[in-house]
Amino acid sequence: MNEQRLRRRLAGYLRKRLAELHLDDVLDARDRRGRRWELETLLRAAVVGLAAGAKGLDEVEELTEQMTPEIRRWLQIPRRVPDTTLRDALVTIKPDLLPSVVHRAVRAAHRRKALAPDVLPIGVVSLDGKVITLPACDDWYAQRQTSQGNSVLGAVRTVTAVLTSSSARPCIDVTPIPAPTNEMGMFETAFDHVVQAYAGLDLFRLVTYDAGACSAANALAVRERGYHYLLGLKGNQPDLLREAQQWLGDKTVVDASSEDIERGHPVIRRLYLGQSVSGPDGWEHIRTVLRVVSEKQDAWGQVTTEERYFIASLPSSRLTPDQWLLAVRRHWGVETAHQILDVSFKEDERPIIVHNPRGTVVVAMLRRIAYTLLTLFRSVTQRSDERRHTPWKKLIQSVFRTLIASDQRTLAGLRRHPIPV
């Protein structure tokens, strides 16, 4: 695809997707006196700026100044957005108001049939925690980690939900973890957020999480809501892990295997599958036990072996062995999303708002909105397999060039989807 066609497609896509977010529905808590910018306009500038690779609010300001007059009118960002104005607005937003923006984007994608499972026969949502470290702490959004002398170190923690049954791996929800609790204690709340947000859509039937949330209470919570779980199993459940190791540890017949190239190096995974008739006390709903052995070769040809165990309430007959292995591999899709946020969006390195933890959470949520818009464009809107594997750095650069180089010829003939004002 030539540069001009890509700009047209990105420009049309951004306008349509921004319209679906209904950013005007986010409650504006600022004092009405002296308010010169609509919050919806500021949020649109922030999302567009993050999608274009801005690593700070000053870069968002610079980008809105560089945007062509045509793209400004197209995206309804009328002029340069001052970074101080943007920061002052973002820190007033209640973080619990922003997940609904994510939900609207995902529901719109579902209506377009853009989220159907592409390989697995059922929808799968994967949850995982992420930490952003700050030189600040408020004991609500940021948990105090340590302090040295006069310095304070805090951790902003969130649970991200990613639809891993879709090759796009969109973020479908994000839940802040309050300072007094942890991933284990937050699992049921985060899962309920996802269930309630997409009630009636049949978006997923299986939920996956690593061993950090593996407990009988969390597993029961999933089953009581009519869903199935696939949970990592480690030493925090010693009796269960011991039984799984005794059962599958000596099994030699491989049920499924896969070979991948990850970060330029080969990875071979082998699956050993077991059907459970009845689980131990408190785990009566276990139906399947899995053992995955991974062999990774480094740049010097040395091979390291890693062994992981998983438990599931879904009967082993519900998926083929290859599909079970894919479900395990797809769970790591949420970790891939986090890696993209760190590498391509520089979230760990540049949280943008660092001395106001609530503002940090708001920016983290806006980043996930930008990520979701871009990953849906990359994996769904793009029409060829080659373009669907466009490197993230290149995709973000394309968004930037679209914003600073689009002229009347670029936008001519594109449908003008209304953006709420």
Protein backbone atom coordinates (compact mmCIF):
# COMPACT_ATOMS: atom_id res chain seq x y z
CA MET A 1 0.00 0.00 0.00
CA ASN A 2 1.41 3.40 -0.94
CA GLU A 3 1.80 6.16 1.64
CA GLN A 4 -1.16 8.23 0.41
CA ARG A 5 -3.58 5.29 0.53
CA LEU A 6 -2.40 4.39 4.02
CA ARG A 7 -2.93 7.95 5.21
CA ARG A 8 -6.44 7.96 3.79
CA ARG A 9 -7.25 4.69 5.49
CA LEU A 10 -5.81 5.81 8.83
CA ALA A 11 -7.52 9.20 8.68
CA GLY A 12 -10.90 7.63 7.95
CA TYR A 13 -10.35 4.97 10.60
CA LEU A 14 -9.39 7.46 13.33
CA ARG A 15 -12.44 9.63 12.72
CA LYS A 16 -14.82 6.64 12.75
CA ARG A 17 -13.31 5.06 15.85
CA LEU A 18 -13.15 8.36 17.78
CA ALA A 19 -16.84 8.85 17.07
CA GLU A 20 -17.57 5.44 18.61
CA LEU A 21 -15.78 6.30 21.86
CA HIS A 22 -18.30 9.01 22.83
CA LEU A 23 -15.66 10.86 24.81
CA ASP A 24 -18.24 13.55 25.47
CA ASP A 25 -19.87 11.18 27.96
CA VAL A 26 -16.88 11.36 30.34
CA LEU A 27 -17.92 13.54 33.28
CA ASP A 28 -16.04 16.84 33.43
CA ALA A 29 -15.26 17.62 37.08
CA ARG A 30 -13.42 20.88 36.39
CA ASP A 31 -14.70 24.19 37.68
CA ARG A 32 -16.86 25.76 34.99
CA ARG A 33 -15.25 29.15 35.56
CA GLY A 34 -12.39 29.78 33.18
CA ARG A 35 -12.97 26.54 31.28
CA ARG A 36 -11.68 27.25 27.74
CA TRP A 37 -11.45 23.70 26.39
CA GLU A 38 -14.11 20.99 26.21
CA LEU A 39 -12.92 17.87 28.02
CA GLU A 40 -13.96 15.76 25.02
CA THR A 41 -11.57 17.70 22.78
CA LEU A 42 -8.70 17.31 25.25
CA LEU A 43 -9.31 13.57 25.55
CA ARG A 44 -9.42 13.21 21.77
CA ALA A 45 -6.10 15.04 21.49
CA ALA A 46 -4.60 12.79 24.19
CA VAL A 47 -5.75 9.55 22.53
CA VAL A 48 -4.59 10.67 19.09
CA GLY A 49 -1.28 11.89 20.50
CA LEU A 50 -0.62 8.60 22.30
CA ALA A 51 -1.52 6.64 19.15
CA ALA A 52 1.02 8.77 17.26
CA GLY A 53 3.78 7.92 19.73
CA ALA A 54 3.74 10.92 22.07
CA LYS A 55 5.72 10.07 25.22
CA GLY A 56 4.74 13.20 27.14
CA LEU A 57 2.09 15.89 27.21
CA ASP A 58 4.62 18.31 25.77
CA GLU A 59 4.86 16.01 22.75
CA VAL A 60 1.06 15.98 22.47
CA GLU A 61 1.18 19.79 22.43
CA GLU A 62 3.89 19.79 19.78
CA LEU A 63 1.96 17.28 17.67
CA THR A 64 -1.27 19.29 17.77
CA GLU A 65 0.73 22.31 16.64
CA GLN A 66 2.26 20.34 13.73
CA MET A 67 -1.05 18.84 12.56
CA THR A 68 -2.26 20.12 9.22
CA PRO A 69 -5.32 22.39 9.23
CA GLU A 70 -7.21 19.75 7.24
CA ILE A 71 -6.59 16.94 9.76
CA ARG A 72 -7.37 19.30 12.66
CA ARG A 73 -10.79 20.01 11.17
CA TRP A 74 -11.21 16.32 10.32
CA LEU A 75 -10.55 15.18 13.91
CA GLN A 76 -12.07 18.32 15.48
CA ILE A 77 -8.94 19.37 17.35
CA PRO A 78 -9.17 23.07 16.45
CA ARG A 79 -5.75 24.32 17.56
CA ARG A 80 -2.62 23.58 19.56
CA VAL A 81 -3.45 21.95 22.91
CA PRO A 82 -1.28 23.35 25.74
CA ASP A 83 0.35 20.59 27.80
CA THR A 84 -0.49 22.33 31.10
CA THR A 85 -4.16 22.56 30.14
CA LEU A 86 -4.17 18.89 29.22
CA ARG A 87 -2.46 17.83 32.43
CA ASP A 88 -4.74 19.93 34.62
CA ALA A 89 -7.75 18.31 32.97
CA LEU A 90 -6.50 14.70 33.12
CA VAL A 91 -5.78 14.76 36.86
CA THR A 92 -9.41 15.74 37.56
CA ILE A 93 -10.87 12.69 35.82
CA LYS A 94 -12.05 9.80 37.96
CA PRO A 95 -10.34 6.67 36.58
CA ASP A 96 -13.46 4.56 37.03
CA LEU A 97 -15.16 6.66 34.32
CA LEU A 98 -12.73 5.62 31.56
CA PRO A 99 -13.29 1.84 31.28
CA SER A 100 -16.69 2.60 29.73
CA VAL A 101 -14.80 4.28 26.87
CA VAL A 102 -12.89 1.02 26.32
CA HIS A 103 -16.17 -0.89 26.46
CA ARG A 104 -17.73 1.30 23.78
CA ALA A 105 -14.78 0.72 21.46
CA VAL A 106 -14.99 -3.04 21.99
CA ARG A 107 -18.78 -3.20 21.62
CA ALA A 108 -18.52 -1.27 18.35
CA ALA A 109 -15.87 -3.72 17.13
CA HIS A 110 -18.12 -6.61 18.12
CA ARG A 111 -20.97 -5.12 16.08
CA ARG A 112 -18.60 -5.00 13.10
CA LYS A 113 -17.86 -8.70 13.71
CA ALA A 114 -14.21 -7.81 14.20
CA LEU A 115 -13.71 -9.85 17.38
CA ALA A 116 -14.80 -13.36 16.46
CA PRO A 117 -12.37 -16.10 17.60
CA ASP A 118 -10.06 -16.69 14.64
CA VAL A 119 -8.72 -20.13 15.63
CA LEU A 120 -10.30 -21.26 18.90
CA PRO A 121 -13.95 -22.38 18.92
CA ILE A 122 -14.76 -20.23 21.97
CA GLY A 123 -14.01 -16.71 23.11
CA VAL A 124 -11.18 -16.35 25.63
CA VAL A 125 -10.38 -13.37 27.84
CA SER A 126 -7.01 -13.25 29.62
CA LEU A 127 -6.36 -11.10 32.67
CA ASP A 128 -3.02 -10.06 34.08
CA GLY A 129 -1.60 -7.43 36.41
CA LYS A 130 0.82 -4.66 35.47
CA VAL A 131 2.86 -2.29 37.63
CA ILE A 132 4.05 1.26 36.89
CA THR A 133 6.64 2.60 39.33
CA LEU A 134 6.48 6.27 40.38
CA PRO A 135 8.36 8.69 42.62
CA ALA A 136 5.04 9.31 44.40
CA CYS A 137 2.53 7.54 46.59
CA ASP A 138 -1.02 8.25 47.74
CA ASP A 139 -1.90 4.92 49.40
CA TRP A 140 -4.92 4.55 47.13
CA TYR A 141 -3.89 4.48 43.47
CA ALA A 142 -0.20 4.01 44.28
CA GLN A 143 0.98 1.55 46.90
CA ARG A 144 4.08 2.58 48.85
CA GLN A 145 6.94 0.25 47.95
CA THR A 146 9.96 1.68 49.71
CA SER A 147 11.57 4.93 50.71
CA GLN A 148 15.19 5.97 50.92
CA GLY A 149 15.98 9.18 52.71
CA ASN A 150 13.54 11.78 51.43
CA SER A 151 12.57 9.78 48.32
CA VAL A 152 9.32 7.83 48.00
CA LEU A 153 8.65 5.00 45.59
CA GLY A 154 5.09 3.98 44.75
CA ALA A 155 3.53 1.36 42.49
CA VAL A 156 0.44 1.99 40.39
CA ARG A 157 -1.09 -1.42 39.65
CA THR A 158 -3.81 -2.38 37.22
CA VAL A 159 -5.47 -5.55 35.92
CA THR A 160 -5.71 -5.60 32.13
CA ALA A 161 -8.24 -7.80 30.33
CA VAL A 162 -7.31 -8.79 26.77
CA LEU A 163 -9.47 -10.74 24.33
CA THR A 164 -6.85 -13.34 23.41
CA SER A 165 -9.18 -15.45 21.25
CA SER A 166 -8.86 -12.63 18.70
CA SER A 167 -5.55 -12.29 16.88
CA ALA A 168 -5.83 -8.53 17.44
CA ARG A 169 -5.62 -9.02 21.23
CA PRO A 170 -7.58 -5.83 22.04
CA CYS A 171 -7.72 -4.56 25.60
CA ILE A 172 -11.37 -4.91 26.63
CA ASP A 173 -11.13 -3.66 30.22
CA VAL A 174 -8.72 -2.24 32.78
CA THR A 175 -9.21 -2.13 36.55
CA PRO A 176 -6.99 -0.22 39.01
CA ILE A 177 -5.80 -2.27 41.99
CA PRO A 178 -6.27 -0.29 45.22
CA ALA A 179 -3.16 0.02 47.36
CA PRO A 180 -4.44 -2.16 50.25
CA THR A 181 -4.98 -5.28 48.11
CA ASN A 182 -3.25 -7.33 45.39
CA GLU A 183 -3.94 -9.30 42.20
CA MET A 184 -5.30 -12.30 44.09
CA GLY A 185 -7.70 -10.17 46.09
CA MET A 186 -8.71 -8.09 43.06
CA PHE A 187 -9.45 -10.94 40.67
CA GLU A 188 -13.15 -11.31 41.38
CA THR A 189 -13.76 -7.55 41.13
CA ALA A 190 -11.83 -7.27 37.85
CA PHE A 191 -13.60 -10.31 36.41
CA ASP A 192 -17.01 -8.93 37.43
CA HIS A 193 -16.17 -5.67 35.62
CA VAL A 194 -15.61 -7.60 32.39
CA VAL A 195 -18.71 -9.77 32.82
CA GLN A 196 -20.97 -6.79 33.50
CA ALA A 197 -19.48 -4.68 30.70
CA TYR A 198 -20.22 -7.27 28.04
CA ALA A 199 -23.37 -8.91 29.37
CA GLY A 200 -25.40 -10.37 26.54
CA LEU A 201 -22.62 -10.31 23.92
CA ASP A 202 -21.28 -13.86 24.37
CA LEU A 203 -17.84 -12.36 23.80
CA PHE A 204 -16.03 -15.08 25.78
CA ARG A 205 -16.68 -18.27 27.73
CA LEU A 206 -13.20 -19.00 29.10
CA VAL A 207 -11.14 -16.76 31.38
CA THR A 208 -7.39 -17.29 31.86
CA TYR A 209 -5.01 -15.96 34.51
CA ASP A 210 -1.53 -16.86 35.66
CA ALA A 211 -0.80 -18.46 39.02
CA GLY A 212 -1.01 -15.08 40.75
CA ALA A 213 -4.80 -15.40 40.98
CA CYS A 214 -5.09 -19.18 41.34
CA SER A 215 -7.27 -19.88 44.36
CA ALA A 216 -10.33 -21.99 45.08
CA ALA A 217 -12.36 -18.85 45.80
CA ASN A 218 -11.47 -17.23 42.47
CA ALA A 219 -12.10 -20.45 40.54
CA LEU A 220 -15.49 -20.83 42.21
CA ALA A 221 -16.34 -17.21 41.41
CA VAL A 222 -15.81 -17.92 37.70
CA ARG A 223 -17.95 -21.06 37.75
CA GLU A 224 -20.75 -19.40 39.74
CA ARG A 225 -21.06 -16.80 36.98
CA GLY A 226 -21.39 -19.48 34.32
CA TYR A 227 -17.89 -19.23 32.83
CA HIS A 228 -14.91 -21.57 32.71
CA TYR A 229 -11.37 -20.94 33.93
CA LEU A 230 -7.84 -21.85 32.86
CA LEU A 231 -5.43 -20.95 35.65
CA GLY A 232 -1.68 -21.22 36.05
CA LEU A 233 -0.58 -23.49 38.88
CA LYS A 234 2.50 -22.88 41.04
CA GLY A 235 3.70 -23.15 44.60
CA ASN A 236 0.95 -20.97 46.05
CA GLN A 237 -1.25 -24.08 45.69
CA PRO A 238 1.28 -26.69 46.87
CA ASP A 239 -1.10 -29.65 47.33
CA LEU A 240 -2.75 -29.12 43.97
CA LEU A 241 0.60 -28.66 42.24
CA ARG A 242 1.97 -31.82 43.86
CA GLU A 243 -0.99 -33.86 42.61
CA ALA A 244 -0.62 -32.45 39.10
CA GLN A 245 3.10 -33.27 39.08
CA GLN A 246 2.48 -36.81 40.28
CA TRP A 247 -0.20 -37.29 37.64
CA LEU A 248 1.44 -35.74 34.57
CA GLY A 249 5.11 -35.41 35.54
CA ASP A 250 6.06 -38.83 34.19
CA LYS A 251 3.80 -38.79 31.13
CA THR A 252 5.89 -39.28 28.00
CA VAL A 253 3.27 -39.21 25.23
CA VAL A 254 3.04 -35.70 23.81
CA ASP A 255 -0.54 -34.64 23.05
CA ALA A 256 0.35 -31.52 21.04
CA SER A 257 3.39 -29.42 20.17
CA SER A 258 4.22 -26.09 18.58
CA GLU A 259 7.28 -24.36 17.18
CA ASP A 260 7.57 -20.58 17.20
CA ILE A 261 10.15 -17.88 16.65
CA GLU A 262 10.14 -15.42 19.55
CA ARG A 263 12.49 -12.45 19.53
CA GLY A 264 14.45 -14.14 16.79
CA HIS A 265 14.96 -17.43 18.63
CA PRO A 266 13.16 -20.80 18.29
CA VAL A 267 10.78 -21.99 21.01
CA ILE A 268 9.34 -25.50 21.10
CA ARG A 269 6.38 -26.24 23.38
CA ARG A 270 5.00 -29.68 24.20
CA LEU A 271 1.63 -30.29 25.85
CA TYR A 272 0.75 -33.18 28.15
CA LEU A 273 -2.97 -33.34 28.82
CA GLY A 274 -4.90 -35.04 31.60
CA GLN A 275 -8.64 -35.44 32.17
CA SER A 276 -9.78 -34.98 35.76
CA VAL A 277 -12.87 -36.83 36.94
CA SER A 278 -13.02 -35.19 40.37
CA GLY A 279 -10.81 -32.56 41.97
CA PRO A 280 -9.67 -32.30 45.60
CA ASP A 281 -11.77 -30.61 48.26
CA GLY A 282 -12.74 -27.12 47.13
CA TRP A 283 -11.68 -27.87 43.56
CA GLU A 284 -14.51 -30.20 42.51
CA HIS A 285 -14.96 -28.20 39.29
CA ILE A 286 -11.51 -29.10 37.88
CA ARG A 287 -11.94 -31.11 34.69
CA THR A 288 -8.58 -30.76 32.91
CA VAL A 289 -4.93 -30.61 33.97
CA LEU A 290 -2.20 -29.44 31.61
CA ARG A 291 1.58 -29.60 31.63
CA VAL A 292 3.48 -27.47 29.12
CA VAL A 293 7.22 -27.95 28.63
CA SER A 294 8.98 -25.14 26.75
CA GLU A 295 12.44 -25.36 25.20
CA LYS A 296 14.00 -22.01 24.30
CA GLN A 297 17.22 -21.58 22.39
CA ASP A 298 19.26 -18.44 22.96
CA ALA A 299 21.63 -16.60 20.61
CA TRP A 300 24.51 -18.90 21.59
CA GLY A 301 22.55 -22.08 20.87
CA GLN A 302 22.02 -22.99 24.50
CA VAL A 303 18.62 -24.50 25.32
CA THR A 304 16.74 -23.80 28.54
CA THR A 305 13.73 -25.85 29.59
CA GLU A 306 10.75 -24.55 31.54
CA GLU A 307 7.81 -26.55 32.88
CA ARG A 308 4.41 -25.05 33.69
CA TYR A 309 1.17 -26.55 34.97
CA PHE A 310 -2.39 -25.36 34.44
CA ILE A 311 -5.85 -26.39 35.62
CA ALA A 312 -9.16 -25.84 33.86
CA SER A 313 -12.84 -26.32 34.56
CA LEU A 314 -13.52 -26.88 30.86
CA PRO A 315 -13.70 -30.61 30.00
CA SER A 316 -10.68 -31.79 28.03
CA SER A 317 -12.96 -32.98 25.21
CA ARG A 318 -14.20 -29.40 24.64
CA LEU A 319 -10.97 -28.52 22.82
CA THR A 320 -8.54 -30.54 20.76
CA PRO A 321 -5.00 -30.92 22.19
CA ASP A 322 -3.74 -28.37 19.65
CA GLN A 323 -6.45 -25.94 20.75
CA TRP A 324 -5.57 -26.45 24.42
CA LEU A 325 -1.95 -25.61 23.69
CA LEU A 326 -3.06 -22.58 21.69
CA ALA A 327 -5.26 -21.41 24.58
CA VAL A 328 -2.22 -21.54 26.87
CA ARG A 329 -0.05 -19.72 24.34
CA ARG A 330 -2.78 -17.14 23.70
CA HIS A 331 -2.93 -16.38 27.44
CA TRP A 332 0.51 -14.90 27.09
CA GLY A 333 -1.12 -12.49 24.64
CA VAL A 334 -1.98 -10.26 27.60
CA GLU A 335 1.72 -10.20 28.47
CA THR A 336 2.43 -9.34 24.82
CA ALA A 337 0.02 -6.41 25.10
CA HIS A 338 1.87 -5.23 28.20
CA GLN A 339 5.18 -5.61 26.37
CA ILE A 340 3.85 -3.45 23.50
CA LEU A 341 2.75 -0.81 26.02
CA ASP A 342 6.25 -0.81 27.51
CA VAL A 343 8.34 -1.06 24.33
CA SER A 344 6.29 0.83 21.74
CA PHE A 345 4.38 3.23 24.01
CA LYS A 346 7.19 3.52 26.63
CA GLU A 347 4.72 3.20 29.51
CA ASP A 348 7.24 2.11 32.16
CA GLU A 349 9.84 4.61 31.02
CA ARG A 350 7.42 7.51 30.48
CA PRO A 351 4.24 7.24 32.57
CA ILE A 352 3.80 10.94 31.63
CA ILE A 353 2.10 12.08 34.85
CA VAL A 354 4.39 10.92 37.64
CA HIS A 355 3.61 12.99 40.74
CA ASN A 356 -0.13 12.43 40.74
CA PRO A 357 -0.95 8.68 40.88
CA ARG A 358 -4.57 9.22 39.86
CA GLY A 359 -3.34 11.05 36.77
CA THR A 360 -0.96 8.16 36.10
CA VAL A 361 -3.90 5.74 36.09
CA VAL A 362 -5.86 8.01 33.73
CA VAL A 363 -2.97 8.13 31.26
CA ALA A 364 -2.54 4.34 31.51
CA MET A 365 -6.19 3.89 30.57
CA LEU A 366 -5.91 6.33 27.67
CA ARG A 367 -2.86 4.39 26.44
CA ARG A 368 -4.92 1.18 26.44
CA ILE A 369 -7.61 2.91 24.42
CA ALA A 370 -4.98 4.06 21.89
CA TYR A 371 -3.47 0.56 21.85
CA THR A 372 -6.87 -1.03 21.22
CA LEU A 373 -7.67 1.31 18.34
CA LEU A 374 -4.31 0.61 16.72
CA THR A 375 -4.32 -3.16 17.23
CA LEU A 376 -7.79 -3.42 15.70
CA PHE A 377 -6.59 -1.37 12.72
CA ARG A 378 -3.46 -3.48 12.37
CA SER A 379 -5.03 -6.93 12.71
CA VAL A 380 -8.58 -6.43 11.43
CA THR A 381 -8.87 -3.36 9.19
CA GLN A 382 -5.70 -4.16 7.26
CA ARG A 383 -6.56 -6.56 4.46
CA SER A 384 -3.37 -8.51 3.82
CA ASP A 385 -1.39 -10.83 6.08
CA GLU A 386 1.75 -8.78 5.45
CA ARG A 387 0.17 -5.52 6.64
CA ARG A 388 -1.38 -7.32 9.60
CA HIS A 389 2.17 -8.00 10.80
CA THR A 390 3.32 -4.39 10.46
CA PRO A 391 5.83 -3.66 13.26
CA TRP A 392 4.33 -1.48 15.97
CA LYS A 393 7.01 1.17 15.60
CA LYS A 394 6.20 1.50 11.90
CA LEU A 395 2.44 1.65 12.56
CA ILE A 396 2.82 4.41 15.15
CA GLN A 397 5.06 6.35 12.76
CA SER A 398 2.37 6.02 10.08
CA VAL A 399 -0.19 7.56 12.44
CA PHE A 400 2.20 10.43 13.14
CA ARG A 401 2.79 11.07 9.43
CA THR A 402 -0.95 10.93 8.77
CA LEU A 403 -1.49 13.72 11.32
CA ILE A 404 1.27 16.04 10.09
CA ALA A 405 1.05 15.44 6.34
CA SER A 406 -2.61 14.85 5.44
CA ASP A 407 -3.99 17.50 3.11
CA GLN A 408 -7.26 18.07 1.30
CA ARG A 409 -6.32 15.47 -1.31
CA THR A 410 -5.82 12.88 1.44
CA LEU A 411 -9.28 13.45 2.91
CA ALA A 412 -11.20 14.01 -0.34
CA GLY A 413 -14.19 11.70 -0.63
CA LEU A 414 -13.88 10.15 2.85
CA ARG A 415 -17.13 9.71 4.70
CA ARG A 416 -17.55 12.31 7.43
CA HIS A 417 -18.71 10.26 10.38
CA PRO A 418 -20.03 12.71 12.99
CA ILE A 419 -17.92 13.22 16.10
CA PRO A 420 -20.02 14.30 19.12
CA VAL A 421 -19.33 17.86 20.29
